[in-house]
Protein backbone atom coordinates (compact mmCIF):
# COMPACT_ATOMS: atom_id res chain seq x y z
CA MET A 1 -70.44 -20.11 -139.72
CA GLN A 2 -66.95 -21.33 -138.76
CA PRO A 3 -64.37 -18.57 -139.39
CA LYS A 4 -61.44 -19.45 -141.61
CA LEU A 5 -57.83 -18.37 -141.51
CA LYS A 6 -57.16 -15.70 -144.14
CA PHE A 7 -54.97 -16.59 -147.11
CA LEU A 8 -51.97 -14.52 -145.95
CA ASP A 9 -52.14 -15.91 -142.39
CA ARG A 10 -52.75 -19.51 -143.49
CA TYR A 11 -49.49 -19.65 -145.45
CA LEU A 12 -47.39 -17.49 -143.10
CA THR A 13 -44.84 -20.28 -142.62
CA LEU A 14 -44.37 -20.45 -146.40
CA TRP A 15 -44.00 -16.66 -146.71
CA ILE A 16 -41.33 -16.68 -143.98
CA PHE A 17 -39.38 -19.44 -145.77
CA LEU A 18 -39.61 -17.49 -149.04
CA ALA A 19 -38.45 -14.30 -147.31
CA MET A 20 -35.46 -16.19 -145.87
CA THR A 21 -34.62 -17.53 -149.35
CA ILE A 22 -34.92 -14.10 -150.98
CA GLY A 23 -32.73 -12.58 -148.27
CA ILE A 24 -30.08 -15.27 -148.72
CA GLY A 25 -30.17 -14.73 -152.49
CA LEU A 26 -29.79 -10.97 -152.15
CA GLY A 27 -26.87 -11.39 -149.77
CA TYR A 28 -25.17 -13.88 -152.11
CA PHE A 29 -25.64 -12.04 -155.40
CA PHE A 30 -25.38 -8.50 -154.02
CA PRO A 31 -22.76 -8.56 -151.23
CA SER A 32 -22.64 -4.75 -151.23
CA ILE A 33 -26.08 -4.73 -149.56
CA SER A 34 -24.36 -4.77 -146.17
CA LYS A 35 -22.52 -1.51 -146.92
CA ILE A 36 -25.70 0.10 -148.22
CA SER A 37 -27.49 -0.94 -145.03
CA ASN A 38 -24.77 0.64 -142.88
CA THR A 39 -25.15 4.00 -144.66
CA LEU A 40 -28.81 4.06 -143.64
CA SER A 41 -28.02 3.79 -139.93
CA VAL A 42 -27.89 6.39 -137.18
CA GLY A 43 -25.69 5.07 -134.38
CA THR A 44 -26.81 1.48 -133.83
CA THR A 45 -30.27 2.09 -135.29
CA ASN A 46 -30.93 1.04 -138.88
CA ILE A 47 -33.57 3.53 -140.09
CA PRO A 48 -35.43 1.31 -142.65
CA LEU A 49 -35.43 -1.55 -140.16
CA ALA A 50 -36.72 0.66 -137.33
CA ILE A 51 -39.57 1.87 -139.55
CA GLY A 52 -40.37 -1.73 -140.49
CA LEU A 53 -40.41 -2.87 -136.86
CA ILE A 54 -42.68 -0.01 -135.78
CA LEU A 55 -45.05 -0.71 -138.68
CA MET A 56 -45.02 -4.39 -137.70
CA MET A 57 -46.35 -3.52 -134.23
CA TYR A 58 -48.87 -0.85 -135.28
CA PRO A 59 -51.82 -2.92 -136.67
CA PRO A 60 -52.24 -5.26 -133.67
CA LEU A 61 -52.11 -2.31 -131.28
CA ALA A 62 -54.60 -0.34 -133.40
CA LYS A 63 -57.04 -3.26 -133.04
CA VAL A 64 -57.00 -3.25 -129.24
CA ASP A 65 -60.08 -1.77 -127.58
CA TYR A 66 -58.74 -0.30 -124.34
CA SER A 67 -62.22 0.83 -123.31
CA LEU A 68 -62.88 -2.81 -122.36
CA LEU A 69 -60.30 -2.74 -119.54
CA PRO A 70 -62.69 -1.52 -116.80
CA GLN A 71 -65.08 -4.33 -117.76
CA ALA A 72 -62.24 -6.87 -117.66
CA PHE A 73 -61.48 -6.13 -114.02
CA LYS A 74 -65.07 -6.89 -113.04
CA ASP A 75 -64.42 -10.59 -113.70
CA LYS A 76 -61.57 -10.96 -111.23
CA LYS A 77 -61.41 -14.75 -111.58
CA VAL A 78 -60.78 -14.71 -115.34
CA VAL A 79 -58.36 -11.78 -115.15
CA GLY A 80 -56.45 -13.34 -112.27
CA ILE A 81 -56.06 -16.69 -114.05
CA SER A 82 -55.01 -15.01 -117.29
CA LEU A 83 -52.38 -12.85 -115.58
CA PHE A 84 -51.05 -15.87 -113.66
CA LEU A 85 -50.79 -18.01 -116.80
CA ASN A 86 -49.26 -15.25 -118.94
CA TRP A 87 -46.85 -13.54 -116.60
CA PHE A 88 -45.83 -16.40 -114.33
CA VAL A 89 -46.46 -19.82 -115.89
CA GLY A 90 -45.62 -18.75 -119.46
CA THR A 91 -42.46 -16.82 -118.62
CA VAL A 92 -41.14 -19.48 -116.23
CA LEU A 93 -41.95 -22.34 -118.63
CA MET A 94 -40.11 -20.69 -121.55
CA PHE A 95 -37.17 -19.87 -119.28
CA GLY A 96 -37.03 -23.50 -118.14
CA LEU A 97 -37.13 -24.82 -121.71
CA ALA A 98 -34.46 -22.34 -122.79
CA VAL A 99 -32.18 -23.54 -119.98
CA LEU A 100 -32.95 -27.21 -120.67
CA PHE A 101 -32.36 -27.14 -124.43
CA LEU A 102 -30.03 -24.20 -125.08
CA ARG A 103 -27.92 -23.66 -121.95
CA ARG A 104 -24.77 -24.43 -123.96
CA GLU A 105 -25.71 -21.74 -126.47
CA PRO A 106 -26.40 -18.65 -124.36
CA ASN A 107 -27.24 -16.38 -127.29
CA TYR A 108 -30.02 -18.66 -128.53
CA MET A 109 -31.10 -19.17 -124.94
CA THR A 110 -31.43 -15.39 -124.53
CA GLY A 111 -33.48 -15.13 -127.72
CA LEU A 112 -35.90 -17.79 -126.47
CA ILE A 113 -36.25 -16.06 -123.10
CA LEU A 114 -37.07 -12.76 -124.85
CA ILE A 115 -39.88 -14.54 -126.72
CA GLY A 116 -41.25 -16.04 -123.50
CA LEU A 117 -41.43 -12.62 -121.88
CA ALA A 118 -43.35 -11.08 -124.80
CA ARG A 119 -46.99 -12.03 -124.38
CA CYS A 120 -49.27 -12.30 -127.40
CA ILE A 121 -51.22 -9.25 -128.59
CA ALA A 122 -51.50 -9.93 -132.33
CA MET A 123 -52.46 -13.34 -133.73
CA VAL A 124 -54.30 -14.40 -130.57
CA ILE A 125 -57.55 -12.85 -131.83
CA VAL A 126 -57.26 -14.99 -134.98
CA TRP A 127 -56.73 -18.19 -132.97
CA SER A 128 -59.50 -17.20 -130.57
CA ASP A 129 -62.02 -16.70 -133.38
CA LEU A 130 -61.08 -19.97 -135.04
CA ALA A 131 -61.51 -21.84 -131.75
CA LYS A 132 -64.95 -20.24 -131.17
CA ALA A 133 -63.74 -18.45 -128.06
CA ASN A 134 -65.30 -15.37 -126.50
CA ARG A 135 -64.04 -12.53 -128.69
CA GLU A 136 -64.89 -9.83 -126.15
CA TYR A 137 -62.88 -11.59 -123.44
CA THR A 138 -60.00 -12.14 -125.83
CA ALA A 139 -60.01 -8.43 -126.70
CA MET A 140 -60.06 -7.52 -123.00
CA LEU A 141 -57.14 -9.84 -122.22
CA VAL A 142 -55.16 -8.49 -125.18
CA ALA A 143 -55.71 -4.94 -123.91
CA LEU A 144 -54.54 -6.04 -120.46
CA ASN A 145 -51.43 -7.73 -121.85
CA SER A 146 -50.59 -4.64 -123.90
CA ILE A 147 -50.50 -2.48 -120.78
CA PHE A 148 -48.53 -5.07 -118.79
CA GLN A 149 -46.06 -5.43 -121.67
CA ILE A 150 -45.22 -1.75 -121.75
CA THR A 151 -44.89 -1.45 -117.97
CA SER A 152 -43.11 -4.71 -117.10
CA TYR A 153 -41.13 -6.03 -120.09
CA SER A 154 -37.90 -4.17 -119.26
CA PHE A 155 -37.91 -5.40 -115.65
CA LEU A 156 -38.65 -8.99 -116.67
CA VAL A 157 -35.81 -8.98 -119.21
CA TRP A 158 -33.43 -7.77 -116.50
CA LEU A 159 -34.70 -10.42 -114.06
CA PHE A 160 -34.69 -13.42 -116.42
CA ILE A 161 -31.46 -12.60 -118.27
CA ASN A 162 -29.24 -10.67 -115.85
CA VAL A 163 -30.28 -12.19 -112.50
CA LEU A 164 -31.75 -15.71 -112.68
CA PRO A 165 -29.08 -17.43 -114.88
CA SER A 166 -26.28 -16.41 -112.50
CA LYS A 167 -28.38 -17.41 -109.47
CA LEU A 168 -28.86 -20.84 -111.05
CA GLY A 169 -25.12 -21.18 -111.67
CA LEU A 170 -25.26 -21.35 -115.46
CA ALA A 171 -21.53 -20.98 -116.06
CA ASN A 172 -21.80 -20.76 -119.85
CA PHE A 173 -24.30 -17.91 -119.67
CA ASN A 174 -22.32 -14.70 -119.98
CA VAL A 175 -24.99 -12.52 -121.61
CA THR A 176 -26.17 -9.34 -119.90
CA VAL A 177 -28.51 -6.62 -121.09
CA SER A 178 -28.88 -3.02 -120.04
CA MET A 179 -32.30 -2.33 -118.53
CA LYS A 180 -31.97 1.21 -119.90
CA ASP A 181 -31.41 -0.09 -123.45
CA VAL A 182 -34.36 -2.48 -123.19
CA THR A 183 -36.60 0.29 -121.84
CA GLU A 184 -35.60 2.58 -124.72
CA SER A 185 -36.32 -0.23 -127.21
CA VAL A 186 -39.72 -0.95 -125.66
CA LEU A 187 -40.64 2.75 -125.74
CA LEU A 188 -39.50 3.02 -129.37
CA TYR A 189 -40.85 -0.22 -130.83
CA LEU A 190 -43.87 -0.71 -128.56
CA GLY A 191 -44.54 2.77 -127.16
CA ILE A 192 -44.73 4.58 -130.53
CA PRO A 193 -47.06 2.04 -132.23
CA PHE A 194 -49.08 1.79 -128.98
CA LEU A 195 -49.66 5.56 -128.98
CA ALA A 196 -50.31 5.62 -132.74
CA GLY A 197 -52.76 2.71 -132.45
CA PHE A 198 -54.57 4.24 -129.49
CA LEU A 199 -54.93 7.65 -131.18
CA THR A 200 -55.95 6.08 -134.50
CA ARG A 201 -58.69 4.09 -132.82
CA TYR A 202 -59.89 7.03 -130.74
CA PHE A 203 -60.13 9.58 -133.58
CA PHE A 204 -61.46 7.26 -136.30
CA ILE A 205 -64.14 5.75 -134.09
CA LYS A 206 -65.12 9.26 -132.99
CA THR A 207 -65.36 10.53 -136.59
CA LYS A 208 -66.27 7.40 -138.60
CA GLY A 209 -67.85 5.08 -136.04
CA THR A 210 -66.98 1.64 -134.62
CA GLU A 211 -68.60 -0.27 -137.51
CA TRP A 212 -66.48 1.50 -140.16
CA TYR A 213 -63.33 1.15 -138.07
CA ASN A 214 -63.67 -2.61 -137.48
CA ARG A 215 -65.05 -3.58 -140.90
CA ILE A 216 -63.17 -1.22 -143.22
CA PHE A 217 -60.07 0.26 -141.58
CA VAL A 218 -58.78 -2.71 -139.55
CA PRO A 219 -58.80 -5.19 -142.50
CA LYS A 220 -56.88 -2.65 -144.59
CA ILE A 221 -54.07 -2.16 -142.07
CA SER A 222 -53.84 -5.80 -140.90
CA PRO A 223 -51.54 -7.02 -143.72
CA ILE A 224 -48.98 -4.32 -142.83
CA THR A 225 -47.73 -6.51 -139.97
CA LEU A 226 -46.95 -9.39 -142.33
CA TYR A 227 -45.31 -7.17 -144.97
CA ALA A 228 -43.15 -5.47 -142.34
CA LEU A 229 -42.21 -8.85 -140.82
CA LEU A 230 -41.19 -10.25 -144.22
CA PHE A 231 -39.20 -7.08 -144.99
CA THR A 232 -37.34 -7.50 -141.68
CA ILE A 233 -36.58 -11.16 -142.42
CA ILE A 234 -35.33 -10.40 -145.93
CA LEU A 235 -33.01 -7.70 -144.61
CA MET A 236 -31.76 -9.90 -141.75
CA PHE A 237 -30.99 -12.88 -143.96
CA SER A 238 -29.36 -10.77 -146.67
CA LEU A 239 -26.76 -9.86 -144.04
CA LYS A 240 -26.24 -13.41 -142.69
CA GLY A 241 -24.48 -15.03 -145.61
CA ASP A 242 -21.67 -16.45 -143.47
CA LYS A 243 -24.05 -18.52 -141.33
CA ILE A 244 -26.38 -19.89 -143.98
CA ILE A 245 -24.89 -23.40 -143.97
CA GLU A 246 -25.52 -23.72 -140.22
CA LEU A 247 -29.11 -22.48 -140.33
CA PRO A 248 -31.08 -25.72 -140.88
CA MET A 249 -29.71 -27.31 -137.71
CA ASP A 250 -30.11 -24.06 -135.80
CA VAL A 251 -33.75 -23.82 -136.89
CA LEU A 252 -34.30 -27.31 -135.45
CA LYS A 253 -32.54 -26.43 -132.17
CA VAL A 254 -34.84 -23.46 -131.63
CA SER A 255 -38.01 -25.12 -132.95
CA ILE A 256 -38.05 -28.06 -130.51
CA PRO A 257 -38.40 -26.02 -127.28
CA LEU A 258 -40.88 -23.69 -129.01
CA ILE A 259 -43.12 -26.59 -130.06
CA ILE A 260 -42.99 -28.06 -126.55
CA TYR A 261 -43.80 -24.64 -125.10
CA PHE A 262 -46.88 -24.07 -127.29
CA VAL A 263 -48.28 -27.55 -126.61
CA LEU A 264 -47.63 -27.53 -122.85
CA MET A 265 -48.86 -23.98 -122.40
CA PHE A 266 -52.13 -24.68 -124.17
CA PHE A 267 -52.94 -27.91 -122.31
CA VAL A 268 -51.88 -26.55 -118.90
CA SER A 269 -54.03 -23.44 -119.46
CA PHE A 270 -57.02 -25.34 -120.83
CA PHE A 271 -57.21 -27.91 -118.04
CA ILE A 272 -56.57 -25.40 -115.24
CA ASN A 273 -59.50 -23.38 -116.58
CA LYS A 274 -61.63 -26.51 -116.92
CA ALA A 275 -60.86 -27.54 -113.33
CA LEU A 276 -62.00 -24.07 -112.23
CA LYS A 277 -65.28 -24.60 -114.14
CA ILE A 278 -64.71 -21.73 -116.55
CA PRO A 279 -67.05 -21.95 -119.61
CA TYR A 280 -65.48 -23.09 -122.87
CA ASP A 281 -65.61 -19.73 -124.67
CA LYS A 282 -63.71 -17.97 -121.85
CA ASN A 283 -61.44 -20.99 -121.38
CA ALA A 284 -60.34 -20.83 -125.03
CA SER A 285 -59.79 -17.06 -124.79
CA ILE A 286 -57.53 -17.47 -121.77
CA ALA A 287 -55.71 -20.53 -123.20
CA PHE A 288 -54.84 -18.98 -126.57
CA THR A 289 -53.91 -15.65 -124.99
CA ALA A 290 -51.48 -17.52 -122.75
CA THR A 291 -50.14 -19.82 -125.50
CA GLY A 292 -49.21 -17.25 -128.17
CA ASN A 293 -46.28 -14.84 -128.01
CA ASN A 294 -45.47 -11.37 -129.30
CA PHE A 295 -42.64 -12.28 -131.70
CA GLU A 296 -42.69 -8.80 -133.21
CA LEU A 297 -41.59 -7.27 -129.91
CA ALA A 298 -39.00 -10.00 -129.28
CA ILE A 299 -37.49 -9.41 -132.74
CA ALA A 300 -37.46 -5.64 -132.26
CA VAL A 301 -35.77 -5.81 -128.86
CA SER A 302 -33.27 -8.45 -130.05
CA ILE A 303 -32.23 -6.32 -133.02
CA ALA A 304 -32.07 -3.11 -130.98
CA ILE A 305 -30.01 -4.65 -128.14
CA PHE A 306 -27.91 -7.32 -129.86
CA GLY A 307 -27.95 -6.24 -133.52
CA ILE A 308 -29.54 -7.41 -136.75
CA HIS A 309 -26.84 -10.10 -137.20
CA SER A 310 -27.39 -11.54 -133.72
CA PRO A 311 -28.44 -15.11 -132.86
CA GLN A 312 -31.10 -13.58 -130.60
CA ALA A 313 -32.75 -11.87 -133.59
CA PHE A 314 -32.54 -15.13 -135.56
CA VAL A 315 -34.43 -16.95 -132.79
CA GLY A 316 -37.14 -14.28 -132.96
CA VAL A 317 -37.64 -14.97 -136.66
CA ILE A 318 -38.00 -18.71 -136.09
CA GLY A 319 -40.85 -18.02 -133.63
CA PRO A 320 -43.68 -17.26 -136.10
CA LEU A 321 -42.29 -19.89 -138.46
CA VAL A 322 -43.13 -22.50 -135.80
CA GLU A 323 -46.13 -20.84 -134.18
CA VAL A 324 -48.50 -20.80 -137.15
CA PRO A 325 -48.65 -24.56 -137.97
CA VAL A 326 -48.59 -25.55 -134.28
CA LEU A 327 -51.37 -23.12 -133.27
CA ILE A 328 -53.52 -24.25 -136.22
CA LEU A 329 -53.30 -27.79 -134.84
CA LEU A 330 -54.07 -26.52 -131.33
CA VAL A 331 -57.19 -24.74 -132.62
CA LYS A 332 -58.42 -28.08 -133.98
CA THR A 333 -57.50 -29.73 -130.67
CA SER A 334 -59.43 -27.07 -128.76
CA LEU A 335 -62.58 -27.73 -130.80
CA ARG A 336 -62.25 -31.48 -130.14
CA LEU A 337 -61.83 -30.83 -126.41
CA LYS A 338 -64.96 -28.69 -126.51
CA LYS A 339 -66.98 -31.62 -127.88
CA ARG A 340 -65.50 -33.98 -125.28
CA TYR A 341 -65.76 -31.84 -122.14
CA TYR A 342 -68.32 -29.13 -122.79
CA LEU A 343 -71.12 -30.65 -124.90
């Protein structure tokens, strides 16, 4: 039986638009919300927002089965291709699109680069299932990306934001980030939910069993990511009243390179795998793992480094707004390509 996208996931784009509208309304009718928000901050960290961001990351990391990692490394061909597509092709492609479309707006360009460096560990399992991919391979690749994300994200941010733009002579690009600040953000917003997810999985499977964990517990915690994301968007947009008029055009500016990225990344991945004679189920697993991005992490790092009002954080919010409808179309495309090339 063909799996279907759950109701909450199917209309994610609509929920994000509604959250934006609610946030704008709150900011307009209750301008004091900004002062209230400031009272709930410690230094540069907004406590409710930090809790929301950590909760946003927890469910996908609690779903990851890290015990599959040793098995993943046995298939060196699949692992090698996946790592190449995710951590070289994907990051370089998003960087190139950011430079091409947003080099005159360095803040938006930075936000897009942060998205490109955050590889998908959440929705990819949904896309993989819908495209009839190999779920075990998808789970293994997600586990692999999770580890790589924690160990390499800070370095990649430093390389792609502090080093490469100046080497390429992008005169308008005057944005720099502290590797220390990024590392602290990754440890806070990825490290804490990673540890919580790992321990949750370990203890519940040990006491309740794998069947209970996957069929009962995981479905119950899955919606937390969406609720936390929508909470973050509402709070962000309630504090952005002065930029509301500009937003429609800005959404378009960010959406175009994102759409191009998703489409190119999927087709490049799919046909590289096909040329290497990788079976369809593994091909789809690799392609969708490489195509999706971890917007939750990009949003968390953007807010922590540049602030909740920042253009970088705004770009992070636009990500899932674009990803859902485009990836749904790519799932359908993948199934058509299966009939054409694999049957």
